Amino acid sequence: MSSTACLKPTAWEIIDAIIHEWHESAVAIASPELAAAFSAETDEIPLKSPSTQSAV
């Protein structure tokens, strides 16, 4: 185990990680694939109410 494994990230490393995540979110939001996925018709089937009868 290296001696750096137990060190907490610095404030600049945390800020860098946040900016990285924001950038990835911005790329995803601008993605035409994501827009198409959200605007696509769904083919989901609604769930039925659970049965109160025994399944045996």
Protein backbone atom coordinates (compact mmCIF):
# COMPACT_ATOMS: atom_id res chain seq x y z
CA MET A 1 0.00 0.00 0.00
CA SER A 2 1.46 3.33 -1.01
CA SER A 3 1.76 6.20 1.42
CA THR A 4 -0.43 8.40 -0.82
CA ALA A 5 -3.39 5.99 -0.65
CA CYS A 6 -4.47 7.35 2.75
CA LEU A 7 -4.20 11.04 1.84
CA LYS A 8 -7.39 13.06 1.46
CA PRO A 9 -7.83 14.91 -1.82
CA THR A 10 -6.93 18.58 -1.80
CA ALA A 11 -9.49 21.31 -2.40
CA TRP A 12 -8.11 21.81 -5.93
CA GLU A 13 -8.48 18.09 -6.68
CA ILE A 14 -12.10 18.18 -5.50
CA ILE A 15 -12.80 21.27 -7.62
CA ASP A 16 -11.15 19.59 -10.61
CA ALA A 17 -13.32 16.50 -10.12
CA ILE A 18 -16.48 18.63 -9.92
CA ILE A 19 -15.57 20.53 -13.09
CA HIS A 20 -14.87 17.23 -14.83
CA GLU A 21 -18.32 15.90 -13.86
CA TRP A 22 -20.01 19.14 -14.95
CA HIS A 23 -18.24 18.92 -18.30
CA GLU A 24 -19.35 15.33 -18.81
CA SER A 25 -22.92 16.30 -17.91
CA ALA A 26 -22.82 19.17 -20.41
CA VAL A 27 -21.57 16.84 -23.14
CA ALA A 28 -24.35 14.36 -22.35
CA ILE A 29 -27.03 17.07 -22.33
CA ALA A 30 -25.86 18.33 -25.73
CA SER A 31 -25.89 14.80 -27.14
CA PRO A 32 -28.41 14.18 -29.93
CA GLU A 33 -28.60 10.55 -28.82
CA LEU A 34 -29.77 11.60 -25.35
CA ALA A 35 -32.35 13.97 -26.82
CA ALA A 36 -33.63 11.18 -29.07
CA ALA A 37 -33.84 8.78 -26.14
CA PHE A 38 -35.93 11.21 -24.08
CA SER A 39 -38.25 12.06 -26.96
CA ALA A 40 -38.75 8.46 -28.14
CA GLU A 41 -42.07 6.74 -27.67
CA THR A 42 -42.01 4.17 -24.92
CA ASP A 43 -43.05 0.58 -25.36
CA GLU A 44 -43.39 -0.05 -21.65
CA ILE A 45 -46.27 -2.06 -20.29
CA PRO A 46 -47.78 -0.73 -17.05
CA LEU A 47 -47.53 -3.02 -14.07
CA LYS A 48 -50.71 -4.61 -12.79
CA SER A 49 -51.74 -4.36 -9.16
CA PRO A 50 -50.28 -7.19 -7.06
CA SER A 51 -52.54 -10.13 -6.45
CA THR A 52 -53.67 -10.85 -2.91
CA GLN A 53 -54.07 -14.55 -3.69
CA SER A 54 -51.42 -17.10 -2.84
CA ALA A 55 -49.06 -18.05 -5.67
CA VAL A 56 -49.05 -21.72 -4.60
